[in-house]
Amino acid sequence: MAGSAEVASLEESFRKFAIYGDTKATGQEMNGKNWAKLCKDCKVTDGKSVTSTDVDIVFSRVKGKTARVINYEEFKKALEELAPKRFKNKSKEEAYEAICQLVAGKEPINVGVTKTKTVGAVERLTDTSKYTGSHKERFDESGKGKGKSGRENIVDTSGYVSAYKNAGTYDAKVKK
């Protein structure tokens, strides 16, 4: 079957796709959405011989009856089931090798992620060194925002009388 380096990279791909989009995932189990994403990103689905419906059917066939996820062993079984459909002109072993090569070493692709644009007016508007007035107070010298301290006048409420200018000087006056 596959070489040990290829098996390691196949397992690494499984883990990367298993944790994609789920902050609580451990990488040991993959849900149906991530399985479909793996098949799409790794070009296992081609739209003709293997469709997204085939991918969903194989997922439901290899998972446990009440389970919602598959583990790595079930993942390999699912690839074995899809391999002859994807590579019809090859033997079962050659098809499995070919489908493993498609998946091994791949990572999830972020599609539709908006890139920041810094040209023309946008660049001028986001340059904090050109800010004036109260807006200038919201950023430090490096251009990083100060947060709440840059947005509001923070009132010192540490004293009996609020906004008392000489707070904390009573003891100094009494000792003299």
N, C-alpha and C. Protein backbone atom coordinates (compact mmCIF):
# COMPACT_ATOMS: atom_id res chain seq x y z
N MET A 1 0.84 -1.20 0.00
CA MET A 1 0.00 0.00 0.00
C MET A 1 0.88 1.25 0.00
N ALA A 2 0.49 2.27 0.74
CA ALA A 2 1.20 3.55 0.72
C ALA A 2 2.43 3.49 1.60
N GLY A 3 3.43 4.33 1.26
CA GLY A 3 4.64 4.40 2.05
C GLY A 3 4.38 5.08 3.38
N SER A 4 5.33 4.92 4.33
CA SER A 4 5.11 5.47 5.67
C SER A 4 5.07 7.00 5.66
N ALA A 5 5.87 7.64 4.79
CA ALA A 5 5.85 9.10 4.70
C ALA A 5 4.52 9.58 4.15
N GLU A 6 3.98 8.83 3.17
CA GLU A 6 2.70 9.20 2.58
C GLU A 6 1.57 8.99 3.59
N VAL A 7 1.66 7.92 4.39
CA VAL A 7 0.64 7.66 5.41
C VAL A 7 0.67 8.77 6.45
N ALA A 8 1.86 9.21 6.83
CA ALA A 8 1.98 10.29 7.82
C ALA A 8 1.38 11.59 7.27
N SER A 9 1.65 11.90 6.00
CA SER A 9 1.10 13.13 5.44
C SER A 9 -0.40 13.00 5.21
N LEU A 10 -0.89 11.78 4.95
CA LEU A 10 -2.33 11.55 4.82
C LEU A 10 -3.02 11.78 6.16
N GLU A 11 -2.40 11.26 7.22
CA GLU A 11 -2.97 11.45 8.56
C GLU A 11 -2.91 12.92 8.97
N GLU A 12 -1.85 13.62 8.60
CA GLU A 12 -1.73 15.05 8.90
C GLU A 12 -2.82 15.85 8.17
N SER A 13 -3.09 15.49 6.93
CA SER A 13 -4.18 16.14 6.18
C SER A 13 -5.52 15.89 6.85
N PHE A 14 -5.73 14.65 7.30
CA PHE A 14 -6.96 14.31 8.01
C PHE A 14 -7.13 15.20 9.23
N ARG A 15 -6.06 15.36 10.01
CA ARG A 15 -6.13 16.17 11.23
C ARG A 15 -6.41 17.64 10.92
N LYS A 16 -5.75 18.18 9.88
CA LYS A 16 -5.95 19.59 9.53
C LYS A 16 -7.38 19.86 9.09
N PHE A 17 -7.94 18.96 8.28
CA PHE A 17 -9.32 19.14 7.85
C PHE A 17 -10.30 18.86 8.99
N ALA A 18 -9.94 17.97 9.92
CA ALA A 18 -10.84 17.64 11.03
C ALA A 18 -11.02 18.83 11.97
N ILE A 19 -9.97 19.63 12.17
CA ILE A 19 -10.09 20.76 13.09
C ILE A 19 -10.53 22.04 12.39
N TYR A 20 -10.65 22.02 11.07
CA TYR A 20 -10.98 23.23 10.32
C TYR A 20 -12.37 23.74 10.71
N GLY A 21 -12.44 24.99 11.14
CA GLY A 21 -13.71 25.63 11.44
C GLY A 21 -14.33 25.25 12.77
N ASP A 22 -13.67 24.44 13.57
CA ASP A 22 -14.22 24.02 14.86
C ASP A 22 -13.17 24.24 15.93
N THR A 23 -13.42 25.18 16.83
CA THR A 23 -12.43 25.52 17.85
C THR A 23 -12.30 24.43 18.91
N LYS A 24 -13.33 23.59 19.06
CA LYS A 24 -13.29 22.54 20.09
C LYS A 24 -12.80 21.20 19.55
N ALA A 25 -12.51 21.11 18.26
CA ALA A 25 -12.12 19.83 17.66
C ALA A 25 -10.73 19.41 18.11
N THR A 26 -10.54 18.11 18.27
CA THR A 26 -9.25 17.57 18.70
C THR A 26 -8.41 17.09 17.53
N GLY A 27 -9.03 16.87 16.38
CA GLY A 27 -8.30 16.35 15.23
C GLY A 27 -8.37 14.84 15.13
N GLN A 28 -9.10 14.20 16.04
CA GLN A 28 -9.24 12.74 16.03
C GLN A 28 -10.46 12.29 15.21
N GLU A 29 -11.44 13.19 15.06
CA GLU A 29 -12.68 12.84 14.36
C GLU A 29 -13.05 13.95 13.39
N MET A 30 -13.66 13.56 12.27
CA MET A 30 -14.04 14.52 11.23
C MET A 30 -15.55 14.45 11.02
N ASN A 31 -16.17 15.63 10.91
CA ASN A 31 -17.62 15.65 10.64
C ASN A 31 -17.87 15.63 9.14
N GLY A 32 -19.13 15.53 8.76
CA GLY A 32 -19.50 15.41 7.35
C GLY A 32 -19.16 16.65 6.54
N LYS A 33 -19.31 17.82 7.15
CA LYS A 33 -19.02 19.07 6.44
C LYS A 33 -17.54 19.13 6.08
N ASN A 34 -16.69 18.78 7.03
CA ASN A 34 -15.24 18.82 6.77
C ASN A 34 -14.81 17.72 5.81
N TRP A 35 -15.50 16.57 5.83
CA TRP A 35 -15.22 15.50 4.87
C TRP A 35 -15.53 15.98 3.46
N ALA A 36 -16.67 16.66 3.30
CA ALA A 36 -17.04 17.18 1.98
C ALA A 36 -16.05 18.26 1.53
N LYS A 37 -15.58 19.08 2.47
CA LYS A 37 -14.60 20.12 2.14
C LYS A 37 -13.28 19.48 1.72
N LEU A 38 -12.85 18.43 2.42
CA LEU A 38 -11.63 17.73 2.05
C LEU A 38 -11.73 17.19 0.63
N CYS A 39 -12.84 16.55 0.32
CA CYS A 39 -13.02 15.98 -1.02
C CYS A 39 -13.03 17.06 -2.09
N LYS A 40 -13.63 18.20 -1.78
CA LYS A 40 -13.69 19.29 -2.76
C LYS A 40 -12.32 19.95 -2.93
N ASP A 41 -11.64 20.27 -1.81
CA ASP A 41 -10.35 20.97 -1.86
C ASP A 41 -9.25 20.11 -2.46
N CYS A 42 -9.30 18.80 -2.23
CA CYS A 42 -8.27 17.90 -2.74
C CYS A 42 -8.60 17.35 -4.12
N LYS A 43 -9.66 17.84 -4.73
CA LYS A 43 -10.08 17.45 -6.08
C LYS A 43 -10.44 15.97 -6.18
N VAL A 44 -10.99 15.41 -5.08
CA VAL A 44 -11.52 14.05 -5.14
C VAL A 44 -12.83 14.08 -5.91
N THR A 45 -13.65 15.10 -5.64
CA THR A 45 -14.88 15.27 -6.42
C THR A 45 -14.53 15.97 -7.72
N ASP A 46 -15.00 15.42 -8.82
CA ASP A 46 -14.72 16.03 -10.12
C ASP A 46 -16.00 16.48 -10.82
N GLY A 47 -17.15 16.22 -10.21
CA GLY A 47 -18.41 16.65 -10.80
C GLY A 47 -18.99 15.67 -11.80
N LYS A 48 -18.20 14.70 -12.26
CA LYS A 48 -18.69 13.73 -13.23
C LYS A 48 -18.79 12.34 -12.60
N SER A 49 -17.65 11.74 -12.30
CA SER A 49 -17.68 10.39 -11.75
C SER A 49 -17.90 10.40 -10.23
N VAL A 50 -17.38 11.41 -9.54
CA VAL A 50 -17.59 11.54 -8.09
C VAL A 50 -18.22 12.91 -7.84
N THR A 51 -19.43 12.90 -7.31
CA THR A 51 -20.14 14.14 -7.02
C THR A 51 -20.24 14.34 -5.51
N SER A 52 -20.76 15.48 -5.10
CA SER A 52 -20.92 15.74 -3.67
C SER A 52 -21.92 14.77 -3.03
N THR A 53 -22.88 14.31 -3.81
CA THR A 53 -23.84 13.32 -3.31
C THR A 53 -23.13 12.00 -3.01
N ASP A 54 -22.22 11.59 -3.90
CA ASP A 54 -21.44 10.37 -3.67
C ASP A 54 -20.61 10.48 -2.39
N VAL A 55 -20.04 11.66 -2.19
CA VAL A 55 -19.21 11.90 -1.01
C VAL A 55 -20.06 11.76 0.25
N ASP A 56 -21.26 12.34 0.25
CA ASP A 56 -22.15 12.25 1.41
C ASP A 56 -22.60 10.81 1.65
N ILE A 57 -22.89 10.07 0.59
CA ILE A 57 -23.33 8.68 0.73
C ILE A 57 -22.22 7.83 1.33
N VAL A 58 -21.00 8.00 0.85
CA VAL A 58 -19.86 7.24 1.37
C VAL A 58 -19.64 7.58 2.84
N PHE A 59 -19.76 8.86 3.21
CA PHE A 59 -19.58 9.27 4.60
C PHE A 59 -20.59 8.57 5.50
N SER A 60 -21.86 8.57 5.09
CA SER A 60 -22.88 7.94 5.93
C SER A 60 -22.73 6.42 5.97
N ARG A 61 -22.12 5.83 4.93
CA ARG A 61 -21.92 4.39 4.89
C ARG A 61 -20.80 3.95 5.83
N VAL A 62 -19.71 4.74 5.94
CA VAL A 62 -18.57 4.29 6.75
C VAL A 62 -18.69 4.67 8.22
N LYS A 63 -19.47 5.69 8.55
CA LYS A 63 -19.60 6.09 9.96
C LYS A 63 -20.48 5.10 10.70
N GLY A 64 -20.42 5.15 12.01
CA GLY A 64 -21.27 4.29 12.82
C GLY A 64 -22.73 4.68 12.64
N LYS A 65 -23.63 3.78 13.03
CA LYS A 65 -25.06 4.00 12.79
C LYS A 65 -25.58 5.28 13.45
N THR A 66 -25.19 5.53 14.69
CA THR A 66 -25.67 6.72 15.40
C THR A 66 -24.63 7.83 15.45
N ALA A 67 -23.45 7.58 14.90
CA ALA A 67 -22.36 8.56 14.97
C ALA A 67 -22.59 9.70 13.98
N ARG A 68 -21.98 10.84 14.28
CA ARG A 68 -22.02 11.99 13.38
C ARG A 68 -20.64 12.31 12.82
N VAL A 69 -19.63 11.57 13.26
CA VAL A 69 -18.24 11.82 12.85
C VAL A 69 -17.57 10.51 12.45
N ILE A 70 -16.44 10.63 11.75
CA ILE A 70 -15.64 9.45 11.41
C ILE A 70 -14.24 9.64 11.99
N ASN A 71 -13.60 8.52 12.33
CA ASN A 71 -12.21 8.58 12.79
C ASN A 71 -11.27 8.30 11.61
N TYR A 72 -9.98 8.20 11.89
CA TYR A 72 -9.00 8.06 10.81
C TYR A 72 -9.16 6.74 10.06
N GLU A 73 -9.47 5.65 10.76
CA GLU A 73 -9.64 4.34 10.11
C GLU A 73 -10.86 4.37 9.18
N GLU A 74 -11.94 4.98 9.64
CA GLU A 74 -13.13 5.09 8.80
C GLU A 74 -12.86 6.02 7.62
N PHE A 75 -12.03 7.03 7.84
CA PHE A 75 -11.62 7.94 6.77
C PHE A 75 -10.91 7.18 5.65
N LYS A 76 -10.00 6.27 6.04
CA LYS A 76 -9.29 5.46 5.04
C LYS A 76 -10.25 4.53 4.29
N LYS A 77 -11.25 3.99 5.03
CA LYS A 77 -12.27 3.16 4.38
C LYS A 77 -13.07 3.96 3.36
N ALA A 78 -13.40 5.20 3.73
CA ALA A 78 -14.16 6.07 2.83
C ALA A 78 -13.35 6.37 1.56
N LEU A 79 -12.05 6.61 1.72
CA LEU A 79 -11.19 6.84 0.55
C LEU A 79 -11.14 5.59 -0.33
N GLU A 80 -11.09 4.41 0.31
CA GLU A 80 -11.08 3.15 -0.45
C GLU A 80 -12.36 3.00 -1.27
N GLU A 81 -13.49 3.42 -0.71
CA GLU A 81 -14.76 3.31 -1.43
C GLU A 81 -14.85 4.30 -2.59
N LEU A 82 -14.28 5.49 -2.40
CA LEU A 82 -14.34 6.50 -3.46
C LEU A 82 -13.31 6.27 -4.57
N ALA A 83 -12.22 5.60 -4.24
CA ALA A 83 -11.11 5.43 -5.19
C ALA A 83 -11.53 4.78 -6.51
N PRO A 84 -12.24 3.64 -6.51
CA PRO A 84 -12.61 3.04 -7.80
C PRO A 84 -13.56 3.92 -8.62
N LYS A 85 -14.39 4.71 -7.96
CA LYS A 85 -15.28 5.61 -8.68
C LYS A 85 -14.50 6.74 -9.34
N ARG A 86 -13.50 7.25 -8.63
CA ARG A 86 -12.73 8.40 -9.13
C ARG A 86 -11.78 7.97 -10.25
N PHE A 87 -11.12 6.84 -10.06
CA PHE A 87 -10.15 6.33 -11.04
C PHE A 87 -10.66 5.00 -11.58
N LYS A 88 -11.54 5.06 -12.56
CA LYS A 88 -12.20 3.86 -13.10
C LYS A 88 -11.26 2.96 -13.88
N ASN A 89 -10.25 3.54 -14.53
CA ASN A 89 -9.37 2.75 -15.40
C ASN A 89 -8.23 2.08 -14.65
N LYS A 90 -8.16 2.22 -13.33
CA LYS A 90 -7.07 1.63 -12.54
C LYS A 90 -7.61 0.50 -11.68
N SER A 91 -6.67 -0.36 -11.23
CA SER A 91 -7.07 -1.42 -10.30
C SER A 91 -7.41 -0.80 -8.95
N LYS A 92 -8.00 -1.59 -8.07
CA LYS A 92 -8.45 -1.08 -6.78
C LYS A 92 -7.28 -0.52 -5.96
N GLU A 93 -6.14 -1.22 -5.96
CA GLU A 93 -4.97 -0.78 -5.20
C GLU A 93 -4.37 0.50 -5.80
N GLU A 94 -4.26 0.52 -7.14
CA GLU A 94 -3.71 1.70 -7.81
C GLU A 94 -4.62 2.92 -7.62
N ALA A 95 -5.92 2.68 -7.64
CA ALA A 95 -6.88 3.77 -7.44
C ALA A 95 -6.75 4.33 -6.02
N TYR A 96 -6.58 3.42 -5.03
CA TYR A 96 -6.43 3.87 -3.64
C TYR A 96 -5.14 4.67 -3.48
N GLU A 97 -4.05 4.21 -4.11
CA GLU A 97 -2.77 4.96 -4.07
C GLU A 97 -2.96 6.35 -4.67
N ALA A 98 -3.66 6.42 -5.80
CA ALA A 98 -3.85 7.70 -6.50
C ALA A 98 -4.69 8.66 -5.67
N ILE A 99 -5.73 8.14 -5.01
CA ILE A 99 -6.59 9.02 -4.21
C ILE A 99 -5.86 9.47 -2.95
N CYS A 100 -4.98 8.61 -2.41
CA CYS A 100 -4.17 9.01 -1.25
C CYS A 100 -3.19 10.12 -1.63
N GLN A 101 -2.65 10.04 -2.84
CA GLN A 101 -1.74 11.09 -3.32
C GLN A 101 -2.47 12.42 -3.50
N LEU A 102 -3.76 12.36 -3.88
CA LEU A 102 -4.54 13.59 -4.01
C LEU A 102 -4.72 14.27 -2.66
N VAL A 103 -4.94 13.47 -1.62
CA VAL A 103 -5.27 14.01 -0.30
C VAL A 103 -4.02 14.33 0.52
N ALA A 104 -2.97 13.52 0.40
CA ALA A 104 -1.79 13.64 1.26
C ALA A 104 -1.13 15.01 1.13
N GLY A 105 -0.85 15.61 2.30
CA GLY A 105 -0.12 16.87 2.35
C GLY A 105 -0.95 18.12 2.06
N LYS A 106 -2.25 17.97 1.89
CA LYS A 106 -3.09 19.13 1.57
C LYS A 106 -3.62 19.77 2.84
N GLU A 107 -3.97 21.07 2.72
CA GLU A 107 -4.57 21.82 3.83
C GLU A 107 -5.87 22.44 3.35
N PRO A 108 -6.76 22.80 4.30
CA PRO A 108 -8.01 23.46 3.90
C PRO A 108 -7.71 24.81 3.22
N ILE A 109 -8.48 25.10 2.18
CA ILE A 109 -8.31 26.34 1.44
C ILE A 109 -9.37 27.33 1.92
N ASN A 110 -8.96 28.54 2.22
CA ASN A 110 -9.91 29.59 2.60
C ASN A 110 -10.36 30.31 1.35
N VAL A 111 -11.59 30.09 0.96
CA VAL A 111 -12.14 30.71 -0.24
C VAL A 111 -13.03 31.87 0.18
N GLY A 112 -12.92 32.97 -0.52
CA GLY A 112 -13.79 34.10 -0.25
C GLY A 112 -13.34 34.96 0.92
N VAL A 113 -12.09 34.83 1.34
CA VAL A 113 -11.59 35.66 2.43
C VAL A 113 -11.24 37.02 1.86
N THR A 114 -11.77 38.06 2.46
CA THR A 114 -11.57 39.41 1.96
C THR A 114 -10.18 39.91 2.32
N LYS A 115 -9.47 40.38 1.35
CA LYS A 115 -8.14 40.95 1.56
C LYS A 115 -8.28 42.44 1.88
N THR A 116 -7.34 42.96 2.69
CA THR A 116 -7.38 44.38 3.00
C THR A 116 -6.85 45.16 1.81
N LYS A 117 -7.46 46.30 1.58
CA LYS A 117 -7.10 47.10 0.42
C LYS A 117 -6.51 48.41 0.92
N THR A 118 -5.30 48.74 0.50
CA THR A 118 -4.65 49.97 0.94
C THR A 118 -4.15 50.75 -0.27
N VAL A 119 -5.07 51.25 -1.05
CA VAL A 119 -4.70 52.08 -2.20
C VAL A 119 -5.56 53.33 -2.21
N GLY A 120 -5.03 54.40 -2.72
CA GLY A 120 -5.79 55.63 -2.89
C GLY A 120 -6.32 56.20 -1.60
N ALA A 121 -7.59 56.46 -1.57
CA ALA A 121 -8.23 57.12 -0.43
C ALA A 121 -8.19 56.26 0.82
N VAL A 122 -8.28 54.95 0.67
CA VAL A 122 -8.27 54.06 1.84
C VAL A 122 -6.95 54.19 2.59
N GLU A 123 -5.86 54.25 1.86
CA GLU A 123 -4.55 54.38 2.49
C GLU A 123 -4.44 55.69 3.27
N ARG A 124 -4.93 56.75 2.67
CA ARG A 124 -4.87 58.06 3.31
C ARG A 124 -5.77 58.11 4.55
N LEU A 125 -6.93 57.47 4.48
CA LEU A 125 -7.86 57.50 5.60
C LEU A 125 -7.40 56.64 6.77
N THR A 126 -6.63 55.61 6.50
CA THR A 126 -6.19 54.73 7.58
C THR A 126 -4.80 55.06 8.10
N ASP A 127 -4.18 56.13 7.61
CA ASP A 127 -2.87 56.56 8.10
C ASP A 127 -3.07 57.40 9.35
N THR A 128 -2.78 56.82 10.54
CA THR A 128 -3.06 57.49 11.81
C THR A 128 -2.14 58.68 12.06
N SER A 129 -1.04 58.81 11.35
CA SER A 129 -0.14 59.94 11.57
C SER A 129 -0.76 61.25 11.05
N LYS A 130 -1.75 61.16 10.20
CA LYS A 130 -2.39 62.36 9.66
C LYS A 130 -3.64 62.77 10.43
N TYR A 131 -4.00 62.03 11.48
CA TYR A 131 -5.18 62.36 12.26
C TYR A 131 -4.93 63.61 13.10
N THR A 132 -5.97 64.40 13.34
CA THR A 132 -5.87 65.62 14.15
C THR A 132 -6.95 65.62 15.20
N GLY A 133 -6.86 66.56 16.12
CA GLY A 133 -7.89 66.76 17.13
C GLY A 133 -8.05 65.57 18.05
N SER A 134 -9.30 65.30 18.42
CA SER A 134 -9.58 64.23 19.38
C SER A 134 -9.27 62.85 18.80
N HIS A 135 -9.29 62.72 17.47
CA HIS A 135 -9.00 61.42 16.85
C HIS A 135 -7.53 61.05 17.04
N LYS A 136 -6.66 62.07 17.08
CA LYS A 136 -5.23 61.84 17.25
C LYS A 136 -4.94 61.20 18.61
N GLU A 137 -5.76 61.52 19.60
CA GLU A 137 -5.56 61.00 20.95
C GLU A 137 -5.87 59.51 21.06
N ARG A 138 -6.55 58.95 20.08
CA ARG A 138 -6.95 57.55 20.14
C ARG A 138 -5.84 56.59 19.75
N PHE A 139 -4.71 57.09 19.23
CA PHE A 139 -3.64 56.23 18.75
C PHE A 139 -2.31 56.65 19.35
N ASP A 140 -1.41 55.67 19.57
CA ASP A 140 -0.07 56.02 20.05
C ASP A 140 0.84 56.34 18.86
N GLU A 141 2.13 56.53 19.13
CA GLU A 141 3.07 56.95 18.08
C GLU A 141 3.21 55.92 16.97
N SER A 142 3.07 54.64 17.30
CA SER A 142 3.23 53.59 16.29
C SER A 142 1.98 53.40 15.43
N GLY A 143 0.86 54.05 15.79
CA GLY A 143 -0.37 53.90 15.02
C GLY A 143 -1.31 52.87 15.59
N LYS A 144 -0.92 52.27 16.73
CA LYS A 144 -1.77 51.26 17.36
C LYS A 144 -2.81 51.97 18.23
N GLY A 145 -4.04 51.49 18.19
CA GLY A 145 -5.11 52.11 18.96
C GLY A 145 -4.91 51.93 20.45
N LYS A 146 -5.34 52.93 21.24
CA LYS A 146 -5.20 52.87 22.69
C LYS A 146 -6.36 52.17 23.37
N GLY A 147 -7.41 51.88 22.64
CA GLY A 147 -8.56 51.21 23.22
C GLY A 147 -9.45 52.19 23.95
N LYS A 148 -10.00 51.76 25.08
CA LYS A 148 -10.95 52.58 25.82
C LYS A 148 -10.32 53.87 26.34
N SER A 149 -9.07 53.82 26.73
CA SER A 149 -8.42 55.03 27.24
C SER A 149 -8.26 56.08 26.15
N GLY A 150 -8.27 55.70 24.90
CA GLY A 150 -8.19 56.66 23.82
C GLY A 150 -9.54 57.21 23.41
N ARG A 151 -10.63 56.54 23.82
CA ARG A 151 -11.96 56.97 23.40
C ARG A 151 -12.68 57.84 24.42
N GLU A 152 -12.42 57.64 25.69
CA GLU A 152 -13.19 58.31 26.72
C GLU A 152 -12.29 59.03 27.70
N ASN A 153 -12.86 60.05 28.33
CA ASN A 153 -12.19 60.66 29.47
C ASN A 153 -12.53 59.78 30.66
N ILE A 154 -11.54 59.15 31.22
CA ILE A 154 -11.78 58.25 32.33
C ILE A 154 -11.74 59.07 33.62
N VAL A 155 -12.84 59.08 34.35
CA VAL A 155 -12.99 59.88 35.54
C VAL A 155 -12.38 59.15 36.71
N ASP A 156 -11.59 59.89 37.51
CA ASP A 156 -10.99 59.32 38.71
C ASP A 156 -12.01 59.41 39.83
N THR A 157 -12.53 58.30 40.25
CA THR A 157 -13.53 58.28 41.31
C THR A 157 -12.94 57.79 42.62
N SER A 158 -11.66 57.98 42.82
CA SER A 158 -11.01 57.48 44.02
C SER A 158 -10.96 58.59 45.07
N GLY A 159 -11.98 58.82 45.73
CA GLY A 159 -11.98 59.83 46.79
C GLY A 159 -13.38 60.05 47.27
N TYR A 160 -13.46 60.77 48.38
CA TYR A 160 -14.77 61.02 48.94
C TYR A 160 -15.56 61.97 48.06
N VAL A 161 -14.91 63.01 47.60
CA VAL A 161 -15.56 63.97 46.72
C VAL A 161 -15.08 63.67 45.31
N SER A 162 -16.01 63.41 44.41
CA SER A 162 -15.61 63.06 43.05
C SER A 162 -14.98 64.27 42.36
N ALA A 163 -14.01 64.05 41.51
CA ALA A 163 -13.29 65.06 40.73
C ALA A 163 -12.55 66.06 41.62
N TYR A 164 -12.19 65.69 42.85
CA TYR A 164 -11.42 66.57 43.73
C TYR A 164 -9.98 66.60 43.24
N LYS A 165 -9.46 67.76 42.96
CA LYS A 165 -8.16 67.92 42.31
C LYS A 165 -6.99 67.54 43.22
N ASN A 166 -7.09 67.74 44.50
CA ASN A 166 -5.97 67.50 45.41
C ASN A 166 -6.12 66.19 46.17
N ALA A 167 -6.65 65.18 45.52
CA ALA A 167 -6.87 63.90 46.18
C ALA A 167 -5.54 63.31 46.61
N GLY A 168 -5.50 62.77 47.81
CA GLY A 168 -4.30 62.13 48.34
C GLY A 168 -3.30 63.08 48.94
N THR A 169 -3.61 64.35 49.09
CA THR A 169 -2.65 65.31 49.66
C THR A 169 -2.97 65.65 51.10
N TYR A 170 -4.03 65.17 51.67
CA TYR A 170 -4.44 65.51 53.03
C TYR A 170 -3.38 65.08 54.04
N ASP A 171 -2.90 63.84 53.93
CA ASP A 171 -1.89 63.35 54.88
C ASP A 171 -0.64 64.18 54.82
N ALA A 172 -0.23 64.62 53.65
CA ALA A 172 0.97 65.44 53.51
C ALA A 172 0.79 66.79 54.20
N LYS A 173 -0.40 67.38 54.15
CA LYS A 173 -0.66 68.66 54.79
C LYS A 173 -0.74 68.52 56.30
N VAL A 174 -1.32 67.47 56.82
CA VAL A 174 -1.50 67.27 58.26
C VAL A 174 -0.16 67.02 58.92
N LYS A 175 0.76 66.32 58.30
CA LYS A 175 2.05 65.97 58.90
C LYS A 175 2.96 67.19 59.03
N LYS A 176 2.72 68.26 58.30
CA LYS A 176 3.60 69.42 58.37
C LYS A 176 3.41 70.22 59.59
